[in-house]
Amino acid sequence: MIKIKRKIGPKGQIVLPKDIREQFNLKTGTDVVFLVEDQQIIIETPKEHREIIEEFCTLPENIKKRKVTSKQIKELIEEQYEERFKNSFKGKR
C-alpha cells in the first residue's frame, strides 16, 4: 500500500499525483467513482461494460432467469450507492 498526503483545495478538489495518474491511465475528463465505507474513501474507475457482462455471466442461473432489465439494474446500483453513502456518515456528525 502506498500512502500519499494531499490538501483539499478551496473548491474541494484533490490533485492526484502524476505517477498515479500515469499508472492508472487517468486523463483529464476520466470518470471516477467514489466508494465511501466506514472511515475510508476509495476512488475507482468505473467498470467497463465488458467487465460487468463477464461478472453477470458468472451469476447463478436462478438469478439470470429473473428477467431483470438493465434499467432496473442501474436503479438498484444507484440505490445501493446512496444507501451506503448515507450509512457511512451515520453518527459521525
PDB file of N, CA and C in Angstrom:
ATOM      1  N   MET A   1       0.849  -1.174   0.000  1.00  0.00           N
ATOM      2  CA  MET A   1       0.000   0.000   0.000  1.00  0.00           C
ATOM      3  C   MET A   1       0.894   1.235   0.000  1.00  0.00           C
ATOM      4  N   ILE A   2       0.498   2.221  -0.791  1.00  0.00           N
ATOM      5  CA  ILE A   2       1.200   3.499  -0.847  1.00  0.00           C
ATOM      6  C   ILE A   2       0.314   4.539  -0.178  1.00  0.00           C
ATOM      7  N   LYS A   3       0.903   5.381   0.642  1.00  0.00           N
ATOM      8  CA  LYS A   3       0.134   6.416   1.329  1.00  0.00           C
ATOM      9  C   LYS A   3       0.729   7.770   0.956  1.00  0.00           C
ATOM     10  N   ILE A   4      -0.107   8.650   0.378  1.00  0.00           N
ATOM     11  CA  ILE A   4       0.337   9.973  -0.046  1.00  0.00           C
ATOM     12  C   ILE A   4      -0.608  11.012   0.546  1.00  0.00           C
ATOM     13  N   LYS A   5      -0.054  12.052   1.131  1.00  0.00           N
ATOM     14  CA  LYS A   5      -0.864  13.105   1.739  1.00  0.00           C
ATOM     15  C   LYS A   5      -1.078  14.224   0.726  1.00  0.00           C
ATOM     16  N   ARG A   6      -2.311  14.714   0.633  1.00  0.00           N
ATOM     17  CA  ARG A   6      -2.662  15.829  -0.242  1.00  0.00           C
ATOM     18  C   ARG A   6      -3.595  16.769   0.495  1.00  0.00           C
ATOM     19  N   LYS A   7      -3.578  18.040   0.118  1.00  0.00           N
ATOM     20  CA  LYS A   7      -4.508  19.025   0.687  1.00  0.00           C
ATOM     21  C   LYS A   7      -5.697  19.178  -0.245  1.00  0.00           C
ATOM     22  N   ILE A   8      -6.845  19.459   0.348  1.00  0.00           N
ATOM     23  CA  ILE A   8      -8.048  19.726  -0.425  1.00  0.00           C
ATOM     24  C   ILE A   8      -8.053  21.211  -0.753  1.00  0.00           C
ATOM     25  N   GLY A   9      -8.258  21.532  -2.032  1.00  0.00           N
ATOM     26  CA  GLY A   9      -8.257  22.916  -2.489  1.00  0.00           C
ATOM     27  C   GLY A   9      -9.536  23.638  -2.103  1.00  0.00           C
ATOM     28  N   PRO A  10      -9.601  24.944  -2.368  1.00  0.00           N
ATOM     29  CA  PRO A  10     -10.753  25.756  -1.969  1.00  0.00           C
ATOM     30  C   PRO A  10     -12.074  25.314  -2.600  1.00  0.00           C
ATOM     31  N   LYS A  11     -12.007  24.631  -3.728  1.00  0.00           N
ATOM     32  CA  LYS A  11     -13.228  24.151  -4.385  1.00  0.00           C
ATOM     33  C   LYS A  11     -13.478  22.672  -4.099  1.00  0.00           C
ATOM     34  N   GLY A  12     -12.775  22.118  -3.124  1.00  0.00           N
ATOM     35  CA  GLY A  12     -12.960  20.717  -2.758  1.00  0.00           C
ATOM     36  C   GLY A  12     -12.211  19.753  -3.656  1.00  0.00           C
ATOM     37  N   GLN A  13     -11.289  20.247  -4.444  1.00  0.00           N
ATOM     38  CA  GLN A  13     -10.554  19.401  -5.377  1.00  0.00           C
ATOM     39  C   GLN A  13      -9.305  18.821  -4.739  1.00  0.00           C
ATOM     40  N   ILE A  14      -8.960  17.613  -5.192  1.00  0.00           N
ATOM     41  CA  ILE A  14      -7.735  16.948  -4.762  1.00  0.00           C
ATOM     42  C   ILE A  14      -6.957  16.606  -6.028  1.00  0.00           C
ATOM     43  N   VAL A  15      -5.681  16.943  -6.060  1.00  0.00           N
ATOM     44  CA  VAL A  15      -4.852  16.627  -7.221  1.00  0.00           C
ATOM     45  C   VAL A  15      -4.210  15.261  -6.999  1.00  0.00           C
ATOM     46  N   LEU A  16      -4.433  14.357  -7.953  1.00  0.00           N
ATOM     47  CA  LEU A  16      -3.793  13.045  -7.890  1.00  0.00           C
ATOM     48  C   LEU A  16      -2.362  13.175  -8.398  1.00  0.00           C
ATOM     49  N   PRO A  17      -1.407  12.567  -7.716  1.00  0.00           N
ATOM     50  CA  PRO A  17      -0.019  12.653  -8.166  1.00  0.00           C
ATOM     51  C   PRO A  17       0.140  12.118  -9.596  1.00  0.00           C
ATOM     52  N   LYS A  18       1.062  12.721 -10.326  1.00  0.00           N
ATOM     53  CA  LYS A  18       1.291  12.358 -11.727  1.00  0.00           C
ATOM     54  C   LYS A  18       1.583  10.868 -11.883  1.00  0.00           C
ATOM     55  N   ASP A  19       2.411  10.310 -10.993  1.00  0.00           N
ATOM     56  CA  ASP A  19       2.756   8.885 -11.081  1.00  0.00           C
ATOM     57  C   ASP A  19       1.509   8.002 -11.024  1.00  0.00           C
ATOM     58  N   ILE A  20       0.576   8.355 -10.148  1.00  0.00           N
ATOM     59  CA  ILE A  20      -0.657   7.569 -10.010  1.00  0.00           C
ATOM     60  C   ILE A  20      -1.525   7.738 -11.250  1.00  0.00           C
ATOM     61  N   ARG A  21      -1.642   8.979 -11.749  1.00  0.00           N
ATOM     62  CA  ARG A  21      -2.440   9.211 -12.965  1.00  0.00           C
ATOM     63  C   ARG A  21      -1.890   8.407 -14.133  1.00  0.00           C
ATOM     64  N   GLU A  22      -0.574   8.384 -14.265  1.00  0.00           N
ATOM     65  CA  GLU A  22       0.041   7.633 -15.362  1.00  0.00           C
ATOM     66  C   GLU A  22      -0.134   6.130 -15.178  1.00  0.00           C
ATOM     67  N   GLN A  23       0.054   5.643 -13.949  1.00  0.00           N
ATOM     68  CA  GLN A  23      -0.066   4.206 -13.677  1.00  0.00           C
ATOM     69  C   GLN A  23      -1.449   3.682 -14.034  1.00  0.00           C
ATOM     70  N   PHE A  24      -2.489   4.482 -13.752  1.00  0.00           N
ATOM     71  CA  PHE A  24      -3.862   4.041 -13.993  1.00  0.00           C
ATOM     72  C   PHE A  24      -4.473   4.680 -15.245  1.00  0.00           C
ATOM     73  N   ASN A  25      -3.628   5.329 -16.048  1.00  0.00           N
ATOM     74  CA  ASN A  25      -4.061   5.949 -17.301  1.00  0.00           C
ATOM     75  C   ASN A  25      -5.242   6.899 -17.086  1.00  0.00           C
ATOM     76  N   LEU A  26      -5.152   7.740 -16.067  1.00  0.00           N
ATOM     77  CA  LEU A  26      -6.198   8.715 -15.759  1.00  0.00           C
ATOM     78  C   LEU A  26      -5.855  10.032 -16.438  1.00  0.00           C
ATOM     79  N   LYS A  27      -6.727  10.459 -17.311  1.00  0.00           N
ATOM     80  CA  LYS A  27      -6.510  11.696 -18.059  1.00  0.00           C
ATOM     81  C   LYS A  27      -7.610  12.691 -17.711  1.00  0.00           C
ATOM     82  N   THR A  28      -7.438  13.946 -18.093  1.00  0.00           N
ATOM     83  CA  THR A  28      -8.463  14.959 -17.869  1.00  0.00           C
ATOM     84  C   THR A  28      -9.782  14.466 -18.453  1.00  0.00           C
ATOM     85  N   GLY A  29     -10.835  14.526 -17.659  1.00  0.00           N
ATOM     86  CA  GLY A  29     -12.154  14.090 -18.118  1.00  0.00           C
ATOM     87  C   GLY A  29     -12.462  12.633 -17.834  1.00  0.00           C
ATOM     88  N   THR A  30     -11.502  11.873 -17.303  1.00  0.00           N
ATOM     89  CA  THR A  30     -11.751  10.472 -16.961  1.00  0.00           C
ATOM     90  C   THR A  30     -12.749  10.409 -15.811  1.00  0.00           C
ATOM     91  N   ASP A  31     -13.770   9.564 -15.951  1.00  0.00           N
ATOM     92  CA  ASP A  31     -14.738   9.377 -14.869  1.00  0.00           C
ATOM     93  C   ASP A  31     -14.114   8.550 -13.755  1.00  0.00           C
ATOM     94  N   VAL A  32     -14.447   8.891 -12.520  1.00  0.00           N
ATOM     95  CA  VAL A  32     -14.052   8.088 -11.368  1.00  0.00           C
ATOM     96  C   VAL A  32     -15.271   7.897 -10.478  1.00  0.00           C
ATOM     97  N   VAL A  33     -15.217   6.864  -9.660  1.00  0.00           N
ATOM     98  CA  VAL A  33     -16.301   6.544  -8.732  1.00  0.00           C
ATOM     99  C   VAL A  33     -15.730   6.618  -7.325  1.00  0.00           C
ATOM    100  N   PHE A  34     -16.461   7.265  -6.414  1.00  0.00           N
ATOM    101  CA  PHE A  34     -16.051   7.332  -5.014  1.00  0.00           C
ATOM    102  C   PHE A  34     -16.852   6.308  -4.225  1.00  0.00           C
ATOM    103  N   LEU A  35     -16.164   5.422  -3.527  1.00  0.00           N
ATOM    104  CA  LEU A  35     -16.802   4.454  -2.644  1.00  0.00           C
ATOM    105  C   LEU A  35     -16.502   4.893  -1.220  1.00  0.00           C
ATOM    106  N   VAL A  36     -17.539   5.057  -0.414  1.00  0.00           N
ATOM    107  CA  VAL A  36     -17.366   5.502   0.966  1.00  0.00           C
ATOM    108  C   VAL A  36     -17.817   4.372   1.878  1.00  0.00           C
ATOM    109  N   GLU A  37     -16.890   3.910   2.716  1.00  0.00           N
ATOM    110  CA  GLU A  37     -17.210   2.832   3.641  1.00  0.00           C
ATOM    111  C   GLU A  37     -16.447   3.063   4.939  1.00  0.00           C
ATOM    112  N   ASP A  38     -17.184   3.091   6.028  1.00  0.00           N
ATOM    113  CA  ASP A  38     -16.604   3.385   7.334  1.00  0.00           C
ATOM    114  C   ASP A  38     -15.822   4.695   7.248  1.00  0.00           C
ATOM    115  N   GLN A  39     -14.549   4.666   7.553  1.00  0.00           N
ATOM    116  CA  GLN A  39     -13.719   5.875   7.529  1.00  0.00           C
ATOM    117  C   GLN A  39     -12.841   5.947   6.279  1.00  0.00           C
ATOM    118  N   GLN A  40     -13.193   5.204   5.231  1.00  0.00           N
ATOM    119  CA  GLN A  40     -12.371   5.164   4.028  1.00  0.00           C
ATOM    120  C   GLN A  40     -13.103   5.733   2.823  1.00  0.00           C
ATOM    121  N   ILE A  41     -12.348   6.395   1.970  1.00  0.00           N
ATOM    122  CA  ILE A  41     -12.843   6.837   0.670  1.00  0.00           C
ATOM    123  C   ILE A  41     -11.963   6.140  -0.361  1.00  0.00           C
ATOM    124  N   ILE A  42     -12.580   5.384  -1.233  1.00  0.00           N
ATOM    125  CA  ILE A  42     -11.854   4.657  -2.268  1.00  0.00           C
ATOM    126  C   ILE A  42     -12.240   5.256  -3.615  1.00  0.00           C
ATOM    127  N   ILE A  43     -11.248   5.548  -4.437  1.00  0.00           N
ATOM    128  CA  ILE A  43     -11.502   6.087  -5.768  1.00  0.00           C
ATOM    129  C   ILE A  43     -11.236   4.973  -6.772  1.00  0.00           C
ATOM    130  N   GLU A  44     -12.231   4.706  -7.612  1.00  0.00           N
ATOM    131  CA  GLU A  44     -12.093   3.676  -8.641  1.00  0.00           C
ATOM    132  C   GLU A  44     -12.486   4.248  -9.989  1.00  0.00           C
ATOM    133  N   THR A  45     -12.002   3.615 -11.039  1.00  0.00           N
ATOM    134  CA  THR A  45     -12.526   3.939 -12.361  1.00  0.00           C
ATOM    135  C   THR A  45     -13.737   3.040 -12.569  1.00  0.00           C
ATOM    136  N   PRO A  46     -14.766   3.545 -13.242  1.00  0.00           N
ATOM    137  CA  PRO A  46     -15.957   2.720 -13.449  1.00  0.00           C
ATOM    138  C   PRO A  46     -15.610   1.472 -14.254  1.00  0.00           C
ATOM    139  N   LYS A  47     -16.334   0.414 -13.988  1.00  0.00           N
ATOM    140  CA  LYS A  47     -16.093  -0.827 -14.718  1.00  0.00           C
ATOM    141  C   LYS A  47     -16.546  -0.674 -16.161  1.00  0.00           C
ATOM    142  N   GLU A  48     -15.805  -1.301 -17.033  1.00  0.00           N
ATOM    143  CA  GLU A  48     -16.172  -1.331 -18.445  1.00  0.00           C
ATOM    144  C   GLU A  48     -17.389  -2.235 -18.598  1.00  0.00           C
ATOM    145  N   HIS A  49     -18.179  -1.982 -19.632  1.00  0.00           N
ATOM    146  CA  HIS A  49     -19.354  -2.818 -19.888  1.00  0.00           C
ATOM    147  C   HIS A  49     -18.952  -4.292 -19.999  1.00  0.00           C
ATOM    148  N   ARG A  50     -17.795  -4.549 -20.606  1.00  0.00           N
ATOM    149  CA  ARG A  50     -17.309  -5.920 -20.772  1.00  0.00           C
ATOM    150  C   ARG A  50     -17.138  -6.596 -19.414  1.00  0.00           C
ATOM    151  N   GLU A  51     -16.563  -5.875 -18.452  1.00  0.00           N
ATOM    152  CA  GLU A  51     -16.349  -6.444 -17.119  1.00  0.00           C
ATOM    153  C   GLU A  51     -17.676  -6.754 -16.437  1.00  0.00           C
ATOM    154  N   ILE A  52     -18.644  -5.856 -16.590  1.00  0.00           N
ATOM    155  CA  ILE A  52     -19.959  -6.067 -15.979  1.00  0.00           C
ATOM    156  C   ILE A  52     -20.619  -7.297 -16.578  1.00  0.00           C
ATOM    157  N   ILE A  53     -20.523  -7.433 -17.899  1.00  0.00           N
ATOM    158  CA  ILE A  53     -21.119  -8.595 -18.577  1.00  0.00           C
ATOM    159  C   ILE A  53     -20.439  -9.875 -18.115  1.00  0.00           C
ATOM    160  N   GLU A  54     -19.114  -9.860 -17.992  1.00  0.00           N
ATOM    161  CA  GLU A  54     -18.390 -11.047 -17.525  1.00  0.00           C
ATOM    162  C   GLU A  54     -18.832 -11.435 -16.117  1.00  0.00           C
ATOM    163  N   GLU A  55     -18.994 -10.435 -15.236  1.00  0.00           N
ATOM    164  CA  GLU A  55     -19.453 -10.731 -13.882  1.00  0.00           C
ATOM    165  C   GLU A  55     -20.869 -11.287 -13.901  1.00  0.00           C
ATOM    166  N   PHE A  56     -21.723 -10.716 -14.755  1.00  0.00           N
ATOM    167  CA  PHE A  56     -23.102 -11.188 -14.849  1.00  0.00           C
ATOM    168  C   PHE A  56     -23.136 -12.643 -15.305  1.00  0.00           C
ATOM    169  N   CYS A  57     -22.264 -12.982 -16.235  1.00  0.00           N
ATOM    170  CA  CYS A  57     -22.247 -14.349 -16.767  1.00  0.00           C
ATOM    171  C   CYS A  57     -21.839 -15.370 -15.715  1.00  0.00           C
ATOM    172  N   THR A  58     -21.200 -14.927 -14.648  1.00  0.00           N
ATOM    173  CA  THR A  58     -20.802 -15.861 -13.596  1.00  0.00           C
ATOM    174  C   THR A  58     -21.868 -16.006 -12.508  1.00  0.00           C
ATOM    175  N   LEU A  59     -22.985 -15.270 -12.640  1.00  0.00           N
ATOM    176  CA  LEU A  59     -24.055 -15.364 -11.646  1.00  0.00           C
ATOM    177  C   LEU A  59     -24.774 -16.706 -11.769  1.00  0.00           C
ATOM    178  N   PRO A  60     -25.316 -17.202 -10.667  1.00  0.00           N
ATOM    179  CA  PRO A  60     -26.077 -18.447 -10.719  1.00  0.00           C
ATOM    180  C   PRO A  60     -27.258 -18.326 -11.686  1.00  0.00           C
ATOM    181  N   GLU A  61     -27.620 -19.436 -12.312  1.00  0.00           N
ATOM    182  CA  GLU A  61     -28.692 -19.457 -13.312  1.00  0.00           C
ATOM    183  C   GLU A  61     -30.016 -18.924 -12.776  1.00  0.00           C
ATOM    184  N   ASN A  62     -30.358 -19.217 -11.519  1.00  0.00           N
ATOM    185  CA  ASN A  62     -31.655 -18.768 -10.997  1.00  0.00           C
ATOM    186  C   ASN A  62     -31.756 -17.242 -10.948  1.00  0.00           C
ATOM    187  N   ILE A  63     -30.628 -16.558 -10.797  1.00  0.00           N
ATOM    188  CA  ILE A  63     -30.650 -15.094 -10.805  1.00  0.00           C
ATOM    189  C   ILE A  63     -30.846 -14.591 -12.232  1.00  0.00           C
ATOM    190  N   LYS A  64     -30.192 -15.227 -13.201  1.00  0.00           N
ATOM    191  CA  LYS A  64     -30.300 -14.810 -14.601  1.00  0.00           C
ATOM    192  C   LYS A  64     -31.725 -14.967 -15.126  1.00  0.00           C
ATOM    193  N   LYS A  65     -32.462 -15.944 -14.606  1.00  0.00           N
ATOM    194  CA  LYS A  65     -33.805 -16.236 -15.108  1.00  0.00           C
ATOM    195  C   LYS A  65     -34.847 -15.229 -14.639  1.00  0.00           C
ATOM    196  N   ARG A  66     -34.490 -14.306 -13.776  1.00  0.00           N
ATOM    197  CA  ARG A  66     -35.457 -13.347 -13.237  1.00  0.00           C
ATOM    198  C   ARG A  66     -35.875 -12.286 -14.249  1.00  0.00           C
ATOM    199  N   LYS A  67     -35.201 -12.173 -15.366  1.00  0.00           N
ATOM    200  CA  LYS A  67     -35.514 -11.204 -16.423  1.00  0.00           C
ATOM    201  C   LYS A  67     -35.504  -9.765 -15.901  1.00  0.00           C
ATOM    202  N   VAL A  68     -34.411  -9.386 -15.310  1.00  0.00           N
ATOM    203  CA  VAL A  68     -34.249  -8.029 -14.799  1.00  0.00           C
ATOM    204  C   VAL A  68     -33.721  -7.160 -15.939  1.00  0.00           C
ATOM    205  N   THR A  69     -34.317  -5.985 -16.127  1.00  0.00           N
ATOM    206  CA  THR A  69     -33.883  -5.088 -17.200  1.00  0.00           C
ATOM    207  C   THR A  69     -32.640  -4.313 -16.778  1.00  0.00           C
ATOM    208  N   SER A  70     -31.920  -3.792 -17.764  1.00  0.00           N
ATOM    209  CA  SER A  70     -30.725  -3.002 -17.456  1.00  0.00           C
ATOM    210  C   SER A  70     -31.100  -1.739 -16.680  1.00  0.00           C
ATOM    211  N   LYS A  71     -32.297  -1.193 -16.946  1.00  0.00           N
ATOM    212  CA  LYS A  71     -32.757  -0.012 -16.205  1.00  0.00           C
ATOM    213  C   LYS A  71     -32.949  -0.356 -14.725  1.00  0.00           C
ATOM    214  N   GLN A  72     -33.537  -1.527 -14.451  1.00  0.00           N
ATOM    215  CA  GLN A  72     -33.739  -1.947 -13.060  1.00  0.00           C
ATOM    216  C   GLN A  72     -32.395  -2.158 -12.365  1.00  0.00           C
ATOM    217  N   ILE A  73     -31.448  -2.737 -13.078  1.00  0.00           N
ATOM    218  CA  ILE A  73     -30.121  -2.965 -12.503  1.00  0.00           C
ATOM    219  C   ILE A  73     -29.470  -1.627 -12.157  1.00  0.00           C
ATOM    220  N   LYS A  74     -29.551  -0.669 -13.088  1.00  0.00           N
ATOM    221  CA  LYS A  74     -28.968   0.658 -12.848  1.00  0.00           C
ATOM    222  C   LYS A  74     -29.610   1.323 -11.638  1.00  0.00           C
ATOM    223  N   GLU A  75     -30.942   1.234 -11.529  1.00  0.00           N
ATOM    224  CA  GLU A  75     -31.644   1.830 -10.388  1.00  0.00           C
ATOM    225  C   GLU A  75     -31.214   1.182  -9.076  1.00  0.00           C
ATOM    226  N   LEU A  76     -31.075  -0.144  -9.076  1.00  0.00           N
ATOM    227  CA  LEU A  76     -30.641  -0.852  -7.868  1.00  0.00           C
ATOM    228  C   LEU A  76     -29.228  -0.435  -7.460  1.00  0.00           C
ATOM    229  N   ILE A  77     -28.352  -0.302  -8.440  1.00  0.00           N
ATOM    230  CA  ILE A  77     -26.975   0.110  -8.149  1.00  0.00           C
ATOM    231  C   ILE A  77     -26.962   1.510  -7.546  1.00  0.00           C
ATOM    232  N   GLU A  78     -27.728   2.426  -8.146  1.00  0.00           N
ATOM    233  CA  GLU A  78     -27.785   3.793  -7.625  1.00  0.00           C
ATOM    234  C   GLU A  78     -28.350   3.824  -6.209  1.00  0.00           C
ATOM    235  N   GLU A  79     -29.371   3.015  -5.946  1.00  0.00           N
ATOM    236  CA  GLU A  79     -29.941   2.941  -4.594  1.00  0.00           C
ATOM    237  C   GLU A  79     -28.901   2.449  -3.599  1.00  0.00           C
ATOM    238  N   GLN A  80     -28.128   1.430  -3.998  1.00  0.00           N
ATOM    239  CA  GLN A  80     -27.108   0.879  -3.108  1.00  0.00           C
ATOM    240  C   GLN A  80     -26.020   1.913  -2.809  1.00  0.00           C
ATOM    241  N   TYR A  81     -25.590   2.653  -3.841  1.00  0.00           N
ATOM    242  CA  TYR A  81     -24.588   3.698  -3.618  1.00  0.00           C
ATOM    243  C   TYR A  81     -25.107   4.727  -2.631  1.00  0.00           C
ATOM    244  N   GLU A  82     -26.352   5.181  -2.834  1.00  0.00           N
ATOM    245  CA  GLU A  82     -26.936   6.179  -1.937  1.00  0.00           C
ATOM    246  C   GLU A  82     -27.042   5.641  -0.516  1.00  0.00           C
ATOM    247  N   GLU A  83     -27.511   4.408  -0.383  1.00  0.00           N
ATOM    248  CA  GLU A  83     -27.683   3.799   0.938  1.00  0.00           C
ATOM    249  C   GLU A  83     -26.337   3.664   1.650  1.00  0.00           C
ATOM    250  N   ARG A  84     -25.326   3.172   0.939  1.00  0.00           N
ATOM    251  CA  ARG A  84     -24.003   3.012   1.547  1.00  0.00           C
ATOM    252  C   ARG A  84     -23.407   4.359   1.924  1.00  0.00           C
ATOM    253  N   PHE A  85     -23.635   5.364   1.076  1.00  0.00           N
ATOM    254  CA  PHE A  85     -23.113   6.700   1.360  1.00  0.00           C
ATOM    255  C   PHE A  85     -23.752   7.257   2.624  1.00  0.00           C
ATOM    256  N   LYS A  86     -25.089   7.131   2.732  1.00  0.00           N
ATOM    257  CA  LYS A  86     -25.794   7.624   3.924  1.00  0.00           C
ATOM    258  C   LYS A  86     -25.331   6.881   5.172  1.00  0.00           C
ATOM    259  N   ASN A  87     -25.208   5.563   5.081  1.00  0.00           N
ATOM    260  CA  ASN A  87     -24.806   4.753   6.234  1.00  0.00           C
ATOM    261  C   ASN A  87     -23.382   5.053   6.683  1.00  0.00           C
ATOM    262  N   SER A  88     -22.525   5.444   5.756  1.00  0.00           N
ATOM    263  CA  SER A  88     -21.135   5.693   6.124  1.00  0.00           C
ATOM    264  C   SER A  88     -20.984   6.945   6.984  1.00  0.00           C
ATOM    265  N   PHE A  89     -22.003   7.821   6.983  1.00  0.00           N
ATOM    266  CA  PHE A  89     -21.922   9.049   7.763  1.00  0.00           C
ATOM    267  C   PHE A  89     -22.816   9.041   8.997  1.00  0.00           C
ATOM    268  N   LYS A  90     -23.527   7.961   9.258  1.00  0.00           N
ATOM    269  CA  LYS A  90     -24.408   7.901  10.428  1.00  0.00           C
ATOM    270  C   LYS A  90     -23.601   8.030  11.712  1.00  0.00           C
ATOM    271  N   GLY A  91     -24.030   8.913  12.571  1.00  0.00           N
ATOM    272  CA  GLY A  91     -23.411   9.069  13.883  1.00  0.00           C
ATOM    273  C   GLY A  91     -22.042   9.726  13.869  1.00  0.00           C
ATOM    274  N   LYS A  92     -21.673  10.357  12.771  1.00  0.00           N
ATOM    275  CA  LYS A  92     -20.343  10.963  12.681  1.00  0.00           C
ATOM    276  C   LYS A  92     -20.398  12.474  12.651  1.00  0.00           C
ATOM    277  N   ARG A  93     -21.538  13.032  12.963  1.00  0.00           N
ATOM    278  CA  ARG A  93     -21.664  14.496  12.954  1.00  0.00           C
ATOM    279  C   ARG A  93     -21.702  15.030  14.351  1.00  0.00           C
TER     280      ARG A  93
END
